[in-house]
Amino acid sequence: MSSFQIGEPARRAGEARAAHVAAEVRAEMARQGKSKGELAEALGVTLNTAKSRYEGAQPYNLVELVQVSLWLGVPLGRLAEVA
């Protein structure tokens, strides 16, 4: 059985998209005065996990991104738009 391997250009594009999403979440949180601790609570994760998502070290998964959009009261598409 062969395993699927993503090509380098696709991997870089995915990383760029994840970084953009993290930046959009940070910007909206700043506009609303929300903290990383509140983000952790909204996601139901530890503060370290929330910081990892917030800083862009680990991408948000789809469920987390939906939770964040609901918590911030913004459309999912606004957070996931690619510049």
PDB file of N, CA and C in Angstrom:
ATOM      1  N   MET A   1       0.841  -1.166   0.000  1.00  0.00           N
ATOM      2  CA  MET A   1       0.000   0.000   0.000  1.00  0.00           C
ATOM      3  C   MET A   1       0.892   1.236   0.000  1.00  0.00           C
ATOM      4  N   SER A   2       0.641   2.146  -0.906  1.00  0.00           N
ATOM      5  CA  SER A   2       1.461   3.352  -0.978  1.00  0.00           C
ATOM      6  C   SER A   2       0.857   4.457  -0.115  1.00  0.00           C
ATOM      7  N   SER A   3       1.722   5.303   0.378  1.00  0.00           N
ATOM      8  CA  SER A   3       1.244   6.432   1.176  1.00  0.00           C
ATOM      9  C   SER A   3       1.253   7.686   0.331  1.00  0.00           C
ATOM     10  N   PHE A   4       0.314   8.545   0.605  1.00  0.00           N
ATOM     11  CA  PHE A   4       0.212   9.812  -0.117  1.00  0.00           C
ATOM     12  C   PHE A   4       1.267  10.768   0.405  1.00  0.00           C
ATOM     13  N   GLN A   5       2.020  11.360  -0.502  1.00  0.00           N
ATOM     14  CA  GLN A   5       3.004  12.363  -0.105  1.00  0.00           C
ATOM     15  C   GLN A   5       2.687  13.654  -0.833  1.00  0.00           C
ATOM     16  N   ILE A   6       2.660  14.712  -0.081  1.00  0.00           N
ATOM     17  CA  ILE A   6       2.357  16.017  -0.649  1.00  0.00           C
ATOM     18  C   ILE A   6       3.647  16.623  -1.186  1.00  0.00           C
ATOM     19  N   GLY A   7       3.566  17.251  -2.319  1.00  0.00           N
ATOM     20  CA  GLY A   7       4.736  17.882  -2.917  1.00  0.00           C
ATOM     21  C   GLY A   7       5.153  19.132  -2.154  1.00  0.00           C
ATOM     22  N   GLU A   8       6.390  19.495  -2.310  1.00  0.00           N
ATOM     23  CA  GLU A   8       6.942  20.662  -1.605  1.00  0.00           C
ATOM     24  C   GLU A   8       6.167  21.948  -1.892  1.00  0.00           C
ATOM     25  N   PRO A   9       5.834  22.269  -3.144  1.00  0.00           N
ATOM     26  CA  PRO A   9       5.066  23.508  -3.388  1.00  0.00           C
ATOM     27  C   PRO A   9       3.710  23.506  -2.677  1.00  0.00           C
ATOM     28  N   ALA A  10       3.039  22.363  -2.669  1.00  0.00           N
ATOM     29  CA  ALA A  10       1.738  22.277  -1.995  1.00  0.00           C
ATOM     30  C   ALA A  10       1.905  22.416  -0.493  1.00  0.00           C
ATOM     31  N   ARG A  11       2.949  21.821   0.062  1.00  0.00           N
ATOM     32  CA  ARG A  11       3.214  21.933   1.498  1.00  0.00           C
ATOM     33  C   ARG A  11       3.468  23.390   1.874  1.00  0.00           C
ATOM     34  N   ARG A  12       4.282  24.072   1.083  1.00  0.00           N
ATOM     35  CA  ARG A  12       4.560  25.493   1.370  1.00  0.00           C
ATOM     36  C   ARG A  12       3.295  26.338   1.258  1.00  0.00           C
ATOM     37  N   ALA A  13       2.460  26.046   0.278  1.00  0.00           N
ATOM     38  CA  ALA A  13       1.202  26.785   0.123  1.00  0.00           C
ATOM     39  C   ALA A  13       0.294  26.554   1.320  1.00  0.00           C
ATOM     40  N   GLY A  14       0.242  25.323   1.798  1.00  0.00           N
ATOM     41  CA  GLY A  14      -0.561  25.018   2.978  1.00  0.00           C
ATOM     42  C   GLY A  14      -0.045  25.737   4.212  1.00  0.00           C
ATOM     43  N   GLU A  15       1.261  25.788   4.366  1.00  0.00           N
ATOM     44  CA  GLU A  15       1.856  26.498   5.503  1.00  0.00           C
ATOM     45  C   GLU A  15       1.567  27.989   5.420  1.00  0.00           C
ATOM     46  N   ALA A  16       1.625  28.543   4.213  1.00  0.00           N
ATOM     47  CA  ALA A  16       1.330  29.970   4.035  1.00  0.00           C
ATOM     48  C   ALA A  16      -0.122  30.268   4.380  1.00  0.00           C
ATOM     49  N   ARG A  17      -1.022  29.382   3.965  1.00  0.00           N
ATOM     50  CA  ARG A  17      -2.444  29.571   4.274  1.00  0.00           C
ATOM     51  C   ARG A  17      -2.665  29.494   5.777  1.00  0.00           C
ATOM     52  N   ALA A  18      -2.034  28.527   6.433  1.00  0.00           N
ATOM     53  CA  ALA A  18      -2.180  28.375   7.887  1.00  0.00           C
ATOM     54  C   ALA A  18      -1.647  29.608   8.614  1.00  0.00           C
ATOM     55  N   ALA A  19      -0.541  30.156   8.144  1.00  0.00           N
ATOM     56  CA  ALA A  19       0.021  31.360   8.758  1.00  0.00           C
ATOM     57  C   ALA A  19      -0.924  32.544   8.569  1.00  0.00           C
ATOM     58  N   HIS A  20      -1.550  32.623   7.416  1.00  0.00           N
ATOM     59  CA  HIS A  20      -2.493  33.712   7.148  1.00  0.00           C
ATOM     60  C   HIS A  20      -3.718  33.594   8.057  1.00  0.00           C
ATOM     61  N   VAL A  21      -4.226  32.383   8.226  1.00  0.00           N
ATOM     62  CA  VAL A  21      -5.378  32.166   9.102  1.00  0.00           C
ATOM     63  C   VAL A  21      -5.027  32.581  10.530  1.00  0.00           C
ATOM     64  N   ALA A  22      -3.849  32.154  11.013  1.00  0.00           N
ATOM     65  CA  ALA A  22      -3.425  32.517  12.369  1.00  0.00           C
ATOM     66  C   ALA A  22      -3.331  34.035  12.517  1.00  0.00           C
ATOM     67  N   ALA A  23      -2.819  34.704  11.500  1.00  0.00           N
ATOM     68  CA  ALA A  23      -2.702  36.167  11.545  1.00  0.00           C
ATOM     69  C   ALA A  23      -4.077  36.827  11.589  1.00  0.00           C
ATOM     70  N   GLU A  24      -5.020  36.300  10.835  1.00  0.00           N
ATOM     71  CA  GLU A  24      -6.390  36.843  10.839  1.00  0.00           C
ATOM     72  C   GLU A  24      -7.040  36.649  12.204  1.00  0.00           C
ATOM     73  N   VAL A  25      -6.844  35.482  12.803  1.00  0.00           N
ATOM     74  CA  VAL A  25      -7.400  35.230  14.132  1.00  0.00           C
ATOM     75  C   VAL A  25      -6.771  36.191  15.140  1.00  0.00           C
ATOM     76  N   ARG A  26      -5.447  36.353  15.101  1.00  0.00           N
ATOM     77  CA  ARG A  26      -4.771  37.285  16.021  1.00  0.00           C
ATOM     78  C   ARG A  26      -5.303  38.705  15.861  1.00  0.00           C
ATOM     79  N   ALA A  27      -5.469  39.143  14.630  1.00  0.00           N
ATOM     80  CA  ALA A  27      -5.947  40.507  14.373  1.00  0.00           C
ATOM     81  C   ALA A  27      -7.357  40.706  14.926  1.00  0.00           C
ATOM     82  N   GLU A  28      -8.221  39.734  14.690  1.00  0.00           N
ATOM     83  CA  GLU A  28      -9.602  39.864  15.188  1.00  0.00           C
ATOM     84  C   GLU A  28      -9.640  39.802  16.706  1.00  0.00           C
ATOM     85  N   MET A  29      -8.819  38.932  17.288  1.00  0.00           N
ATOM     86  CA  MET A  29      -8.759  38.876  18.751  1.00  0.00           C
ATOM     87  C   MET A  29      -8.280  40.207  19.314  1.00  0.00           C
ATOM     88  N   ALA A  30      -7.303  40.817  18.676  1.00  0.00           N
ATOM     89  CA  ALA A  30      -6.792  42.117  19.141  1.00  0.00           C
ATOM     90  C   ALA A  30      -7.888  43.178  19.049  1.00  0.00           C
ATOM     91  N   ARG A  31      -8.630  43.187  17.930  1.00  0.00           N
ATOM     92  CA  ARG A  31      -9.716  44.164  17.771  1.00  0.00           C
ATOM     93  C   ARG A  31     -10.754  44.010  18.875  1.00  0.00           C
ATOM     94  N   GLN A  32     -10.986  42.774  19.294  1.00  0.00           N
ATOM     95  CA  GLN A  32     -12.010  42.513  20.309  1.00  0.00           C
ATOM     96  C   GLN A  32     -11.444  42.463  21.723  1.00  0.00           C
ATOM     97  N   GLY A  33     -10.140  42.604  21.864  1.00  0.00           N
ATOM     98  CA  GLY A  33      -9.520  42.585  23.188  1.00  0.00           C
ATOM     99  C   GLY A  33      -9.581  41.221  23.867  1.00  0.00           C
ATOM    100  N   LYS A  34      -9.505  40.159  23.081  1.00  0.00           N
ATOM    101  CA  LYS A  34      -9.582  38.803  23.639  1.00  0.00           C
ATOM    102  C   LYS A  34      -8.182  38.235  23.844  1.00  0.00           C
ATOM    103  N   SER A  35      -8.061  37.403  24.863  1.00  0.00           N
ATOM    104  CA  SER A  35      -6.749  36.863  25.248  1.00  0.00           C
ATOM    105  C   SER A  35      -6.551  35.431  24.759  1.00  0.00           C
ATOM    106  N   LYS A  36      -5.301  34.972  24.829  1.00  0.00           N
ATOM    107  CA  LYS A  36      -4.985  33.583  24.485  1.00  0.00           C
ATOM    108  C   LYS A  36      -5.664  32.620  25.468  1.00  0.00           C
ATOM    109  N   GLY A  37      -5.802  33.038  26.706  1.00  0.00           N
ATOM    110  CA  GLY A  37      -6.503  32.212  27.680  1.00  0.00           C
ATOM    111  C   GLY A  37      -7.959  32.017  27.298  1.00  0.00           C
ATOM    112  N   GLU A  38      -8.579  33.077  26.826  1.00  0.00           N
ATOM    113  CA  GLU A  38      -9.969  32.975  26.366  1.00  0.00           C
ATOM    114  C   GLU A  38     -10.063  32.095  25.126  1.00  0.00           C
ATOM    115  N   LEU A  39      -9.067  32.183  24.260  1.00  0.00           N
ATOM    116  CA  LEU A  39      -9.023  31.323  23.078  1.00  0.00           C
ATOM    117  C   LEU A  39      -8.949  29.860  23.507  1.00  0.00           C
ATOM    118  N   ALA A  40      -8.086  29.561  24.468  1.00  0.00           N
ATOM    119  CA  ALA A  40      -7.957  28.192  24.967  1.00  0.00           C
ATOM    120  C   ALA A  40      -9.293  27.691  25.498  1.00  0.00           C
ATOM    121  N   GLU A  41      -9.976  28.533  26.248  1.00  0.00           N
ATOM    122  CA  GLU A  41     -11.276  28.156  26.802  1.00  0.00           C
ATOM    123  C   GLU A  41     -12.297  27.910  25.697  1.00  0.00           C
ATOM    124  N   ALA A  42     -12.310  28.791  24.694  1.00  0.00           N
ATOM    125  CA  ALA A  42     -13.265  28.648  23.587  1.00  0.00           C
ATOM    126  C   ALA A  42     -13.022  27.361  22.805  1.00  0.00           C
ATOM    127  N   LEU A  43     -11.755  26.969  22.684  1.00  0.00           N
ATOM    128  CA  LEU A  43     -11.412  25.758  21.938  1.00  0.00           C
ATOM    129  C   LEU A  43     -11.457  24.494  22.807  1.00  0.00           C
ATOM    130  N   GLY A  44     -11.469  24.679  24.124  1.00  0.00           N
ATOM    131  CA  GLY A  44     -11.442  23.522  25.014  1.00  0.00           C
ATOM    132  C   GLY A  44     -10.100  22.814  25.002  1.00  0.00           C
ATOM    133  N   VAL A  45      -9.028  23.618  24.889  1.00  0.00           N
ATOM    134  CA  VAL A  45      -7.667  23.072  24.847  1.00  0.00           C
ATOM    135  C   VAL A  45      -6.818  23.740  25.918  1.00  0.00           C
ATOM    136  N   THR A  46      -5.617  23.232  26.110  1.00  0.00           N
ATOM    137  CA  THR A  46      -4.706  23.847  27.069  1.00  0.00           C
ATOM    138  C   THR A  46      -4.221  25.196  26.541  1.00  0.00           C
ATOM    139  N   LEU A  47      -3.700  26.008  27.448  1.00  0.00           N
ATOM    140  CA  LEU A  47      -3.145  27.296  27.045  1.00  0.00           C
ATOM    141  C   LEU A  47      -1.983  27.092  26.075  1.00  0.00           C
ATOM    142  N   ASN A  48      -1.151  26.077  26.305  1.00  0.00           N
ATOM    143  CA  ASN A  48      -0.024  25.824  25.396  1.00  0.00           C
ATOM    144  C   ASN A  48      -0.499  25.491  23.986  1.00  0.00           C
ATOM    145  N   THR A  49      -1.553  24.702  23.877  1.00  0.00           N
ATOM    146  CA  THR A  49      -2.099  24.365  22.560  1.00  0.00           C
ATOM    147  C   THR A  49      -2.665  25.611  21.899  1.00  0.00           C
ATOM    148  N   ALA A  50      -3.388  26.420  22.660  1.00  0.00           N
ATOM    149  CA  ALA A  50      -3.948  27.661  22.111  1.00  0.00           C
ATOM    150  C   ALA A  50      -2.840  28.598  21.644  1.00  0.00           C
ATOM    151  N   LYS A  51      -1.772  28.708  22.416  1.00  0.00           N
ATOM    152  CA  LYS A  51      -0.645  29.561  22.023  1.00  0.00           C
ATOM    153  C   LYS A  51      -0.022  29.070  20.724  1.00  0.00           C
ATOM    154  N   SER A  52       0.084  27.751  20.586  1.00  0.00           N
ATOM    155  CA  SER A  52       0.651  27.173  19.371  1.00  0.00           C
ATOM    156  C   SER A  52      -0.182  27.536  18.148  1.00  0.00           C
ATOM    157  N   ARG A  53      -1.501  27.498  18.297  1.00  0.00           N
ATOM    158  CA  ARG A  53      -2.389  27.892  17.191  1.00  0.00           C
ATOM    159  C   ARG A  53      -2.294  29.408  16.958  1.00  0.00           C
ATOM    160  N   TYR A  54      -2.363  30.172  18.035  1.00  0.00           N
ATOM    161  CA  TYR A  54      -2.339  31.638  17.976  1.00  0.00           C
ATOM    162  C   TYR A  54      -1.082  32.145  17.273  1.00  0.00           C
ATOM    163  N   GLU A  55       0.049  31.543  17.601  1.00  0.00           N
ATOM    164  CA  GLU A  55       1.333  31.972  17.037  1.00  0.00           C
ATOM    165  C   GLU A  55       1.587  31.401  15.644  1.00  0.00           C
ATOM    166  N   GLY A  56       0.752  30.467  15.211  1.00  0.00           N
ATOM    167  CA  GLY A  56       0.912  29.881  13.886  1.00  0.00           C
ATOM    168  C   GLY A  56       1.900  28.728  13.836  1.00  0.00           C
ATOM    169  N   ALA A  57       2.369  28.269  15.007  1.00  0.00           N
ATOM    170  CA  ALA A  57       3.303  27.147  15.036  1.00  0.00           C
ATOM    171  C   ALA A  57       2.608  25.851  14.616  1.00  0.00           C
ATOM    172  N   GLN A  58       1.318  25.719  14.943  1.00  0.00           N
ATOM    173  CA  GLN A  58       0.490  24.587  14.536  1.00  0.00           C
ATOM    174  C   GLN A  58      -0.793  25.145  13.936  1.00  0.00           C
ATOM    175  N   PRO A  59      -1.218  24.625  12.798  1.00  0.00           N
ATOM    176  CA  PRO A  59      -2.441  25.156  12.181  1.00  0.00           C
ATOM    177  C   PRO A  59      -3.699  24.764  12.945  1.00  0.00           C
ATOM    178  N   TYR A  60      -4.724  25.597  12.829  1.00  0.00           N
ATOM    179  CA  TYR A  60      -6.046  25.261  13.348  1.00  0.00           C
ATOM    180  C   TYR A  60      -6.602  24.134  12.478  1.00  0.00           C
ATOM    181  N   ASN A  61      -7.280  23.175  13.092  1.00  0.00           N
ATOM    182  CA  ASN A  61      -7.997  22.209  12.261  1.00  0.00           C
ATOM    183  C   ASN A  61      -9.366  22.815  11.937  1.00  0.00           C
ATOM    184  N   LEU A  62     -10.117  22.162  11.085  1.00  0.00           N
ATOM    185  CA  LEU A  62     -11.382  22.729  10.619  1.00  0.00           C
ATOM    186  C   LEU A  62     -12.369  22.942  11.762  1.00  0.00           C
ATOM    187  N   VAL A  63     -12.480  21.983  12.659  1.00  0.00           N
ATOM    188  CA  VAL A  63     -13.402  22.121  13.787  1.00  0.00           C
ATOM    189  C   VAL A  63     -13.000  23.317  14.645  1.00  0.00           C
ATOM    190  N   GLU A  64     -11.708  23.453  14.931  1.00  0.00           N
ATOM    191  CA  GLU A  64     -11.240  24.588  15.730  1.00  0.00           C
ATOM    192  C   GLU A  64     -11.523  25.905  15.030  1.00  0.00           C
ATOM    193  N   LEU A  65     -11.320  25.938  13.726  1.00  0.00           N
ATOM    194  CA  LEU A  65     -11.552  27.175  12.989  1.00  0.00           C
ATOM    195  C   LEU A  65     -13.018  27.572  13.028  1.00  0.00           C
ATOM    196  N   VAL A  66     -13.910  26.609  12.942  1.00  0.00           N
ATOM    197  CA  VAL A  66     -15.346  26.906  13.074  1.00  0.00           C
ATOM    198  C   VAL A  66     -15.636  27.424  14.481  1.00  0.00           C
ATOM    199  N   GLN A  67     -15.057  26.784  15.509  1.00  0.00           N
ATOM    200  CA  GLN A  67     -15.252  27.242  16.884  1.00  0.00           C
ATOM    201  C   GLN A  67     -14.764  28.679  17.056  1.00  0.00           C
ATOM    202  N   VAL A  68     -13.618  28.995  16.497  1.00  0.00           N
ATOM    203  CA  VAL A  68     -13.054  30.344  16.615  1.00  0.00           C
ATOM    204  C   VAL A  68     -13.951  31.354  15.908  1.00  0.00           C
ATOM    205  N   SER A  69     -14.435  31.015  14.728  1.00  0.00           N
ATOM    206  CA  SER A  69     -15.293  31.973  14.009  1.00  0.00           C
ATOM    207  C   SER A  69     -16.583  32.243  14.784  1.00  0.00           C
ATOM    208  N   LEU A  70     -17.155  31.207  15.388  1.00  0.00           N
ATOM    209  CA  LEU A  70     -18.360  31.402  16.200  1.00  0.00           C
ATOM    210  C   LEU A  70     -18.048  32.223  17.446  1.00  0.00           C
ATOM    211  N   TRP A  71     -16.941  31.920  18.104  1.00  0.00           N
ATOM    212  CA  TRP A  71     -16.535  32.638  19.316  1.00  0.00           C
ATOM    213  C   TRP A  71     -16.293  34.119  19.028  1.00  0.00           C
ATOM    214  N   LEU A  72     -15.653  34.396  17.897  1.00  0.00           N
ATOM    215  CA  LEU A  72     -15.368  35.789  17.545  1.00  0.00           C
ATOM    216  C   LEU A  72     -16.554  36.475  16.868  1.00  0.00           C
ATOM    217  N   GLY A  73     -17.537  35.685  16.441  1.00  0.00           N
ATOM    218  CA  GLY A  73     -18.704  36.264  15.770  1.00  0.00           C
ATOM    219  C   GLY A  73     -18.394  36.790  14.383  1.00  0.00           C
ATOM    220  N   VAL A  74     -17.486  36.116  13.698  1.00  0.00           N
ATOM    221  CA  VAL A  74     -17.127  36.519  12.327  1.00  0.00           C
ATOM    222  C   VAL A  74     -17.335  35.331  11.397  1.00  0.00           C
ATOM    223  N   PRO A  75     -17.634  35.592  10.141  1.00  0.00           N
ATOM    224  CA  PRO A  75     -17.809  34.487   9.192  1.00  0.00           C
ATOM    225  C   PRO A  75     -16.521  33.678   9.045  1.00  0.00           C
ATOM    226  N   LEU A  76     -16.674  32.377   8.896  1.00  0.00           N
ATOM    227  CA  LEU A  76     -15.525  31.498   8.715  1.00  0.00           C
ATOM    228  C   LEU A  76     -14.681  31.951   7.523  1.00  0.00           C
ATOM    229  N   GLY A  77     -15.333  32.340   6.449  1.00  0.00           N
ATOM    230  CA  GLY A  77     -14.619  32.779   5.254  1.00  0.00           C
ATOM    231  C   GLY A  77     -13.719  33.981   5.495  1.00  0.00           C
ATOM    232  N   ARG A  78     -14.098  34.817   6.430  1.00  0.00           N
ATOM    233  CA  ARG A  78     -13.256  35.989   6.721  1.00  0.00           C
ATOM    234  C   ARG A  78     -11.925  35.569   7.338  1.00  0.00           C
ATOM    235  N   LEU A  79     -11.956  34.547   8.171  1.00  0.00           N
ATOM    236  CA  LEU A  79     -10.725  34.079   8.788  1.00  0.00           C
ATOM    237  C   LEU A  79      -9.886  33.262   7.818  1.00  0.00           C
ATOM    238  N   ALA A  80     -10.538  32.579   6.906  1.00  0.00           N
ATOM    239  CA  ALA A  80      -9.827  31.650   6.023  1.00  0.00           C
ATOM    240  C   ALA A  80      -9.496  32.235   4.657  1.00  0.00           C
ATOM    241  N   GLU A  81      -9.814  33.504   4.414  1.00  0.00           N
ATOM    242  CA  GLU A  81      -9.479  34.117   3.140  1.00  0.00           C
ATOM    243  C   GLU A  81      -7.974  34.104   2.942  1.00  0.00           C
ATOM    244  N   VAL A  82      -7.573  33.935   1.707  1.00  0.00           N
ATOM    245  CA  VAL A  82      -6.147  33.977   1.387  1.00  0.00           C
ATOM    246  C   VAL A  82      -5.868  35.320   0.728  1.00  0.00           C
ATOM    247  N   ALA A  83      -4.873  36.002   1.276  1.00  0.00           N
ATOM    248  CA  ALA A  83      -4.522  37.339   0.758  1.00  0.00           C
ATOM    249  C   ALA A  83      -3.973  37.229  -0.644  1.00  0.00           C
TER     250      ALA A  83
END
